[in-house]
Amino acid sequence: MKEGLLFFVLLALTVIVPAGVAEARDQGFFPLFNGRDLDGWEVIGDAEAWSVKDGVIVCSGKGGGWLKSKWEYDDFIFKVEWRISKGGNSGVFFRAEAVPDPWVRGFEVQILDDGGTVGKTNCGALYGIAAPLKNLIRPGEWNEYEIRAIGSHIQVYFNGVLVHDIKGDNLPEVKGRPLRGYIGLQDHGNYVEFRNPRILEVGYTWLFNGKDLSAWQTEGAGEWRILPEGVLHYTGRGTHLWTKESYGDFDLKLEWKIEKGGDSGIYLRGDKQGRAQANIWEHEMGSGQIWGYDIRPKERRDAPTGQWNYMEIRMVGRRVSVWLNGAWVIKDAELPDVALEGPIALQHHGTPLWFRNIRIKRL
């Protein structure tokens, strides 16, 4: 009897989602941190400098480099809370490239325990570009940045106060900088903590937000199950899962993983024969192949089997591009005779697979 009780207690514990994650989803934001580990991030520099403690991302400051998001973002609202050690230095990168010094071409909002000085390299500054209207640092306490980047228009809120409102077309220092890139947290050799990083991707809507399948045709689809922490699991028994709505030009983002020998794909614009299908599989050529047209990815970017992959599919007219784990593996490939509008499907191929964070933007 005690063993049975222990089982149900453990089961209950596995379905608990950290409060910050649940709150972010309720507000339409995409949580970038699960409160337990660095899933969804990768380190450029000293990996040993980064850890998670008590639901907080901790940088020990023993190394150098930065913590980079797995996703690239273009238009967004990003929020994060931070606390810096006495005299410490750090920063928040956005629209950054995967290079050792992302602030050079991308953007950095400076974090610096500087006593409230105002300047282009002080706390709250767009580093090297513009000083904040005010430096509102609360030394030794939690602070918050909210960064809004829509096209070339950039706004930064520092502890709830607007300190930057920049239209890049009017500022030479901003011209030519990327309109898309990674989010990053800086390791500048000092101890710093981050919590509740979350992002709202402007223009995107959830196809699967971790709660239900209301955007999908589930009748007769088989065993598509919602697991804890917003994961959609297909057992391999059933058939394809189609969206209720049709899409013309779109940008689709999703995360997926498969097991050894797994096979699946994304059916585009109602092509039930799978010609216009972005392949998900273990083939040596790599995932992203447009199966029915034999358009192959220019390189294999698949994560190791059993790990999450980050895929973006963009369709404009009869051309398709596929981004996988940091690179466009297919760019503007033409699909003759493909429908100009139709639903999207997660493919059944008889093997188990997992999806999460599925969202779409009409172009």
Protein backbone atom coordinates (compact mmCIF):
# COMPACT_ATOMS: atom_id res chain seq x y z
CA MET A 1 0.00 0.00 0.00
CA LYS A 2 2.85 2.36 0.88
CA GLU A 3 4.53 1.61 -2.46
CA GLY A 4 1.34 2.50 -4.30
CA LEU A 5 1.02 5.75 -2.36
CA LEU A 6 4.65 6.61 -3.12
CA PHE A 7 4.03 6.05 -6.83
CA PHE A 8 1.16 8.54 -6.89
CA VAL A 9 3.14 11.08 -4.91
CA LEU A 10 6.03 10.82 -7.40
CA LEU A 11 3.61 11.05 -10.31
CA ALA A 12 2.10 14.21 -8.85
CA LEU A 13 5.55 15.76 -8.45
CA THR A 14 6.42 15.14 -12.11
CA VAL A 15 3.53 17.26 -13.40
CA ILE A 16 4.37 20.38 -11.38
CA VAL A 17 5.33 23.25 -13.69
CA PRO A 18 7.32 26.12 -12.14
CA ALA A 19 5.12 29.15 -11.41
CA GLY A 20 7.14 31.47 -13.65
CA VAL A 21 6.75 29.14 -16.62
CA ALA A 22 2.98 28.80 -16.16
CA GLU A 23 2.55 32.56 -15.70
CA ALA A 24 4.57 33.34 -18.83
CA ARG A 25 2.43 31.02 -20.96
CA ASP A 26 -0.77 32.52 -19.53
CA GLN A 27 0.42 35.96 -20.65
CA GLY A 28 1.27 34.74 -24.16
CA PHE A 29 5.00 34.74 -23.47
CA PHE A 30 7.35 31.89 -24.31
CA PRO A 31 9.30 30.91 -21.15
CA LEU A 32 13.02 30.56 -21.92
CA PHE A 33 13.87 28.83 -18.64
CA ASN A 34 12.19 25.85 -16.97
CA GLY A 35 13.51 26.59 -13.50
CA ARG A 36 15.63 23.42 -13.29
CA ASP A 37 18.30 23.27 -16.00
CA LEU A 38 19.65 25.06 -19.05
CA ASP A 39 17.48 23.27 -21.60
CA GLY A 40 17.01 25.66 -24.52
CA TRP A 41 20.36 27.39 -24.01
CA GLU A 42 23.95 26.75 -24.98
CA VAL A 43 27.19 28.21 -23.67
CA ILE A 44 29.72 30.08 -25.76
CA GLY A 45 32.84 30.17 -23.60
CA ASP A 46 33.30 28.52 -20.21
CA ALA A 47 30.43 26.05 -19.64
CA GLU A 48 31.43 25.47 -16.01
CA ALA A 49 30.59 29.09 -15.19
CA TRP A 50 26.84 28.48 -15.66
CA SER A 51 24.50 26.55 -13.38
CA VAL A 52 20.98 26.54 -11.95
CA LYS A 53 20.32 26.97 -8.24
CA ASP A 54 16.94 27.36 -6.52
CA GLY A 55 15.16 28.23 -9.77
CA VAL A 56 17.73 30.85 -10.77
CA ILE A 57 20.32 30.90 -13.58
CA VAL A 58 23.68 31.54 -11.92
CA CYS A 59 26.88 32.75 -13.55
CA SER A 60 29.83 32.14 -11.22
CA GLY A 61 32.01 34.66 -13.04
CA LYS A 62 34.97 32.29 -13.18
CA GLY A 63 35.16 32.24 -16.96
CA GLY A 64 34.03 34.35 -19.86
CA GLY A 65 31.61 34.26 -22.79
CA TRP A 66 27.85 34.09 -22.74
CA LEU A 67 24.75 31.93 -22.49
CA LYS A 68 22.99 31.86 -25.87
CA SER A 69 19.37 30.99 -26.65
CA LYS A 70 18.80 28.10 -29.06
CA TRP A 71 16.27 30.20 -31.00
CA GLU A 72 16.86 33.29 -33.11
CA TYR A 73 14.31 36.09 -32.81
CA ASP A 74 13.39 39.08 -34.95
CA ASP A 75 10.47 41.14 -33.52
CA PHE A 76 9.84 40.52 -29.83
CA ILE A 77 9.26 41.70 -26.28
CA PHE A 78 11.77 40.13 -23.89
CA LYS A 79 11.73 40.33 -20.10
CA VAL A 80 14.32 39.14 -17.60
CA GLU A 81 15.17 39.84 -13.96
CA TRP A 82 18.78 40.06 -12.80
CA ARG A 83 20.88 40.62 -9.69
CA ILE A 84 24.55 41.54 -9.87
CA SER A 85 27.34 41.22 -7.29
CA LYS A 86 28.97 44.32 -5.79
CA GLY A 87 31.01 46.04 -8.49
CA GLY A 88 29.95 43.38 -11.00
CA ASN A 89 29.62 43.62 -14.77
CA SER A 90 27.33 41.67 -17.14
CA GLY A 91 24.75 42.30 -19.83
CA VAL A 92 21.79 41.10 -21.87
CA PHE A 93 22.39 40.53 -25.57
CA PHE A 94 19.74 40.55 -28.27
CA ARG A 95 19.77 40.13 -32.04
CA ALA A 96 23.19 38.67 -31.44
CA GLU A 97 25.30 36.44 -33.65
CA ALA A 98 26.88 33.21 -32.36
CA VAL A 99 30.33 34.75 -31.91
CA PRO A 100 32.54 35.35 -28.85
CA ASP A 101 31.79 39.13 -28.77
CA PRO A 102 28.12 39.46 -29.79
CA TRP A 103 27.81 43.12 -28.80
CA VAL A 104 30.03 44.21 -31.71
CA ARG A 105 27.34 43.70 -34.37
CA GLY A 106 24.31 42.90 -32.23
CA PHE A 107 23.03 44.71 -29.15
CA GLU A 108 23.79 44.64 -25.44
CA VAL A 109 21.88 46.23 -22.58
CA GLN A 110 24.59 46.80 -20.01
CA ILE A 111 24.41 45.44 -16.45
CA LEU A 112 26.88 47.18 -14.14
CA ASP A 113 26.97 47.90 -10.42
CA ASP A 114 28.09 51.50 -10.93
CA GLY A 115 26.16 53.51 -8.37
CA GLY A 116 23.73 54.99 -10.88
CA THR A 117 26.10 56.80 -13.25
CA VAL A 118 24.60 57.65 -16.66
CA GLY A 119 26.67 56.99 -19.78
CA LYS A 120 26.96 54.86 -22.93
CA THR A 121 28.70 52.04 -21.03
CA ASN A 122 26.88 52.32 -17.70
CA CYS A 123 24.02 50.24 -16.37
CA GLY A 124 20.95 50.37 -18.62
CA ALA A 125 22.93 51.64 -21.62
CA LEU A 126 22.66 50.18 -25.09
CA TYR A 127 26.34 49.42 -24.83
CA GLY A 128 28.44 51.80 -26.90
CA ILE A 129 25.34 53.15 -28.67
CA ALA A 130 23.22 55.21 -26.28
CA ALA A 131 23.10 56.15 -22.60
CA PRO A 132 19.85 55.44 -20.73
CA LEU A 133 17.63 58.38 -19.79
CA LYS A 134 18.04 57.19 -16.20
CA ASN A 135 20.17 54.61 -14.40
CA LEU A 136 17.72 52.95 -12.01
CA ILE A 137 19.88 50.14 -10.64
CA ARG A 138 18.92 48.74 -7.26
CA PRO A 139 22.28 47.48 -5.92
CA GLY A 140 22.17 43.99 -4.44
CA GLU A 141 18.48 43.60 -5.34
CA TRP A 142 16.53 42.12 -8.22
CA ASN A 143 16.19 44.41 -11.24
CA GLU A 144 14.22 43.90 -14.45
CA TYR A 145 14.83 44.71 -18.10
CA GLU A 146 12.09 44.70 -20.70
CA ILE A 147 13.43 44.95 -24.24
CA ARG A 148 11.09 45.66 -27.14
CA ALA A 149 12.57 45.26 -30.61
CA ILE A 150 10.14 45.76 -33.52
CA GLY A 151 11.93 46.26 -36.80
CA SER A 152 14.49 49.01 -36.19
CA HIS A 153 12.47 50.46 -33.30
CA ILE A 154 14.05 49.56 -29.95
CA GLN A 155 12.66 50.37 -26.51
CA VAL A 156 14.15 49.39 -23.16
CA TYR A 157 12.34 49.56 -19.83
CA PHE A 158 14.54 49.52 -16.71
CA ASN A 159 12.60 48.56 -13.57
CA GLY A 160 9.40 49.64 -15.31
CA VAL A 161 10.68 52.99 -16.62
CA LEU A 162 11.31 53.69 -20.32
CA VAL A 163 15.02 54.52 -20.66
CA HIS A 164 15.49 54.00 -24.44
CA ASP A 165 13.17 54.77 -27.34
CA ILE A 166 15.29 54.50 -30.46
CA LYS A 167 14.32 54.37 -34.10
CA GLY A 168 17.31 52.83 -35.77
CA ASP A 169 16.78 54.61 -39.07
CA ASN A 170 17.64 57.87 -37.28
CA LEU A 171 20.73 56.60 -35.45
CA PRO A 172 23.91 55.81 -37.44
CA GLU A 173 25.23 53.48 -34.70
CA VAL A 174 22.24 51.17 -35.22
CA LYS A 175 22.16 51.11 -39.02
CA GLY A 176 23.37 47.83 -40.50
CA ARG A 177 22.95 45.84 -37.29
CA PRO A 178 20.96 42.60 -37.54
CA LEU A 179 17.17 42.59 -37.36
CA ARG A 180 17.29 38.97 -36.19
CA GLY A 181 19.50 37.03 -33.80
CA TYR A 182 19.94 35.31 -30.45
CA ILE A 183 19.12 36.35 -26.90
CA GLY A 184 22.11 36.10 -24.58
CA LEU A 185 23.23 36.51 -20.97
CA GLN A 186 26.80 37.68 -20.48
CA ASP A 187 29.60 36.16 -18.41
CA HIS A 188 31.96 39.09 -17.80
CA GLY A 189 33.92 37.40 -15.04
CA ASN A 190 31.61 38.47 -12.20
CA TYR A 191 28.89 36.70 -10.22
CA VAL A 192 25.39 37.44 -11.55
CA GLU A 193 21.96 35.81 -11.33
CA PHE A 194 19.04 35.76 -13.79
CA ARG A 195 15.46 34.59 -13.42
CA ASN A 196 12.17 34.48 -15.35
CA PRO A 197 13.54 35.11 -18.87
CA ARG A 198 10.53 35.11 -21.19
CA ILE A 199 9.74 36.33 -24.66
CA LEU A 200 6.70 37.31 -26.69
CA GLU A 201 7.35 36.81 -30.40
CA VAL A 202 5.38 39.54 -32.11
CA GLY A 203 2.92 38.21 -34.70
CA TYR A 204 3.10 34.55 -33.65
CA THR A 205 0.18 32.55 -32.27
CA TRP A 206 0.35 29.21 -30.50
CA LEU A 207 -0.58 26.06 -32.40
CA PHE A 208 0.35 24.08 -29.30
CA ASN A 209 0.97 25.97 -26.08
CA GLY A 210 1.35 22.92 -23.87
CA LYS A 211 -2.22 22.89 -22.62
CA ASP A 212 -4.59 21.51 -25.25
CA LEU A 213 -5.06 20.55 -28.90
CA SER A 214 -7.76 23.12 -29.68
CA ALA A 215 -5.93 24.23 -32.87
CA TRP A 216 -5.87 20.68 -34.29
CA GLN A 217 -8.20 18.12 -35.87
CA THR A 218 -7.95 15.31 -33.34
CA GLU A 219 -10.83 13.04 -34.41
CA GLY A 220 -9.34 9.79 -35.68
CA ALA A 221 -5.78 11.06 -35.27
CA GLY A 222 -4.84 8.39 -32.75
CA GLU A 223 -2.68 8.67 -29.67
CA TRP A 224 -1.41 12.24 -29.43
CA ARG A 225 -0.91 12.86 -25.72
CA ILE A 226 -0.13 16.00 -23.74
CA LEU A 227 2.69 15.35 -21.27
CA PRO A 228 3.87 17.51 -18.35
CA GLU A 229 5.70 20.75 -19.12
CA GLY A 230 3.97 21.32 -22.42
CA VAL A 231 5.19 18.35 -24.44
CA LEU A 232 3.07 16.70 -27.14
CA HIS A 233 3.87 13.00 -27.49
CA TYR A 234 2.77 10.75 -30.32
CA THR A 235 2.92 7.06 -29.43
CA GLY A 236 3.19 5.92 -33.05
CA ARG A 237 -0.38 4.58 -33.18
CA GLY A 238 -2.82 6.58 -35.29
CA THR A 239 -2.36 9.01 -38.15
CA HIS A 240 -1.33 12.57 -38.99
CA LEU A 241 -2.41 15.51 -36.82
CA TRP A 242 -3.74 18.37 -38.98
CA THR A 243 -4.35 22.00 -38.05
CA LYS A 244 -7.93 23.23 -38.18
CA GLU A 245 -6.94 26.38 -40.06
CA SER A 246 -5.30 26.78 -43.45
CA TYR A 247 -2.20 28.87 -44.07
CA GLY A 248 -0.80 30.67 -47.08
CA ASP A 249 2.49 32.45 -46.46
CA PHE A 250 3.73 31.64 -42.96
CA ASP A 251 6.63 31.19 -40.60
CA LEU A 252 6.33 28.07 -38.41
CA LYS A 253 8.52 27.33 -35.38
CA LEU A 254 8.57 24.12 -33.38
CA GLU A 255 10.82 21.89 -31.32
CA TRP A 256 10.97 18.12 -31.83
CA LYS A 257 12.87 15.02 -30.84
CA ILE A 258 12.80 11.40 -31.96
CA GLU A 259 14.08 8.08 -30.70
CA LYS A 260 16.49 5.71 -32.43
CA GLY A 261 15.04 4.74 -35.80
CA GLY A 262 12.39 7.47 -35.59
CA ASP A 263 10.86 9.09 -38.65
CA SER A 264 8.36 11.91 -39.10
CA GLY A 265 7.92 15.24 -40.86
CA ILE A 266 5.84 18.38 -41.31
CA TYR A 267 3.24 18.30 -44.10
CA LEU A 268 2.84 21.73 -45.72
CA ARG A 269 -0.30 23.32 -47.13
CA GLY A 270 -2.53 20.27 -47.07
CA ASP A 271 -0.30 17.98 -49.12
CA LYS A 272 -1.62 14.65 -47.83
CA GLN A 273 0.72 12.68 -50.07
CA GLY A 274 3.66 14.29 -48.33
CA ARG A 275 5.45 15.69 -51.38
CA ALA A 276 5.68 19.10 -49.68
CA GLN A 277 7.06 17.62 -46.46
CA ALA A 278 9.94 18.83 -44.31
CA ASN A 279 11.48 15.55 -43.20
CA ILE A 280 12.34 14.67 -39.60
CA TRP A 281 14.51 11.55 -39.44
CA GLU A 282 17.93 10.04 -38.71
CA HIS A 283 19.17 9.87 -42.29
CA GLU A 284 22.80 10.85 -42.87
CA MET A 285 21.69 13.78 -45.05
CA GLY A 286 19.93 15.31 -42.06
CA SER A 287 16.42 16.54 -41.33
CA GLY A 288 14.75 19.33 -43.29
CA GLN A 289 14.75 17.58 -46.68
CA ILE A 290 11.64 18.43 -48.74
CA TRP A 291 10.81 14.81 -49.36
CA GLY A 292 8.62 14.75 -52.49
CA TYR A 293 10.84 17.20 -54.36
CA ASP A 294 14.11 15.65 -53.15
CA ILE A 295 15.40 19.04 -52.05
CA ARG A 296 18.20 18.19 -49.66
CA PRO A 297 19.61 20.20 -46.78
CA LYS A 298 22.98 21.78 -47.45
CA GLU A 299 24.32 20.32 -44.19
CA ARG A 300 23.29 17.94 -41.41
CA ARG A 301 22.32 19.98 -38.33
CA ASP A 302 20.40 17.36 -36.33
CA ALA A 303 20.95 17.22 -32.58
CA PRO A 304 21.95 13.82 -31.14
CA THR A 305 19.06 11.36 -31.08
CA GLY A 306 16.84 11.94 -28.07
CA GLN A 307 17.71 15.63 -27.75
CA TRP A 308 15.51 18.55 -28.76
CA ASN A 309 15.84 20.07 -32.22
CA TYR A 310 14.81 23.63 -33.12
CA MET A 311 13.18 23.95 -36.54
CA GLU A 312 11.70 26.90 -38.44
CA ILE A 313 9.86 26.53 -41.76
CA ARG A 314 9.08 29.60 -43.84
CA MET A 315 6.84 29.49 -46.91
CA VAL A 316 6.35 32.46 -49.21
CA GLY A 317 4.49 31.78 -52.42
CA ARG A 318 5.86 28.49 -53.73
CA ARG A 319 9.23 28.87 -52.06
CA VAL A 320 10.30 27.25 -48.80
CA SER A 321 13.18 27.78 -46.38
CA VAL A 322 14.11 25.54 -43.44
CA TRP A 323 16.18 26.65 -40.42
CA LEU A 324 17.49 23.90 -38.14
CA ASN A 325 19.53 24.31 -34.98
CA GLY A 326 21.21 27.55 -35.96
CA ALA A 327 21.40 27.52 -39.77
CA TRP A 328 19.21 27.78 -42.85
CA VAL A 329 19.70 24.29 -44.29
CA ILE A 330 17.32 25.04 -47.17
CA LYS A 331 16.92 28.56 -48.52
CA ASP A 332 14.19 29.75 -50.92
CA ALA A 333 13.75 26.39 -52.66
CA GLU A 334 10.96 26.35 -55.25
CA LEU A 335 8.13 23.80 -54.96
CA PRO A 336 6.38 23.70 -58.36
CA ASP A 337 2.62 23.15 -58.22
CA VAL A 338 2.44 23.24 -54.41
CA ALA A 339 -0.87 24.62 -53.12
CA LEU A 340 -0.82 28.31 -52.19
CA GLU A 341 -2.84 27.62 -49.06
CA GLY A 342 -3.69 24.67 -46.84
CA PRO A 343 -3.42 23.16 -43.36
CA ILE A 344 -0.24 21.89 -41.71
CA ALA A 345 0.27 18.40 -40.25
CA LEU A 346 2.57 16.59 -37.87
CA GLN A 347 3.32 13.34 -39.68
CA HIS A 348 2.52 9.83 -38.47
CA HIS A 349 5.21 7.40 -39.59
CA GLY A 350 4.64 4.64 -37.07
CA THR A 351 7.34 5.71 -34.60
CA PRO A 352 7.09 7.71 -31.36
CA LEU A 353 8.03 11.37 -31.39
CA TRP A 354 7.76 14.48 -29.26
CA PHE A 355 6.91 18.12 -30.06
CA ARG A 356 6.71 21.33 -28.04
CA ASN A 357 6.43 25.11 -28.42
CA ILE A 358 4.65 25.04 -31.79
CA ARG A 359 3.79 28.53 -32.99
CA ILE A 360 3.08 30.22 -36.32
CA LYS A 361 3.02 33.67 -37.88
CA ARG A 362 1.10 34.56 -41.02
CA LEU A 363 3.27 36.57 -43.41
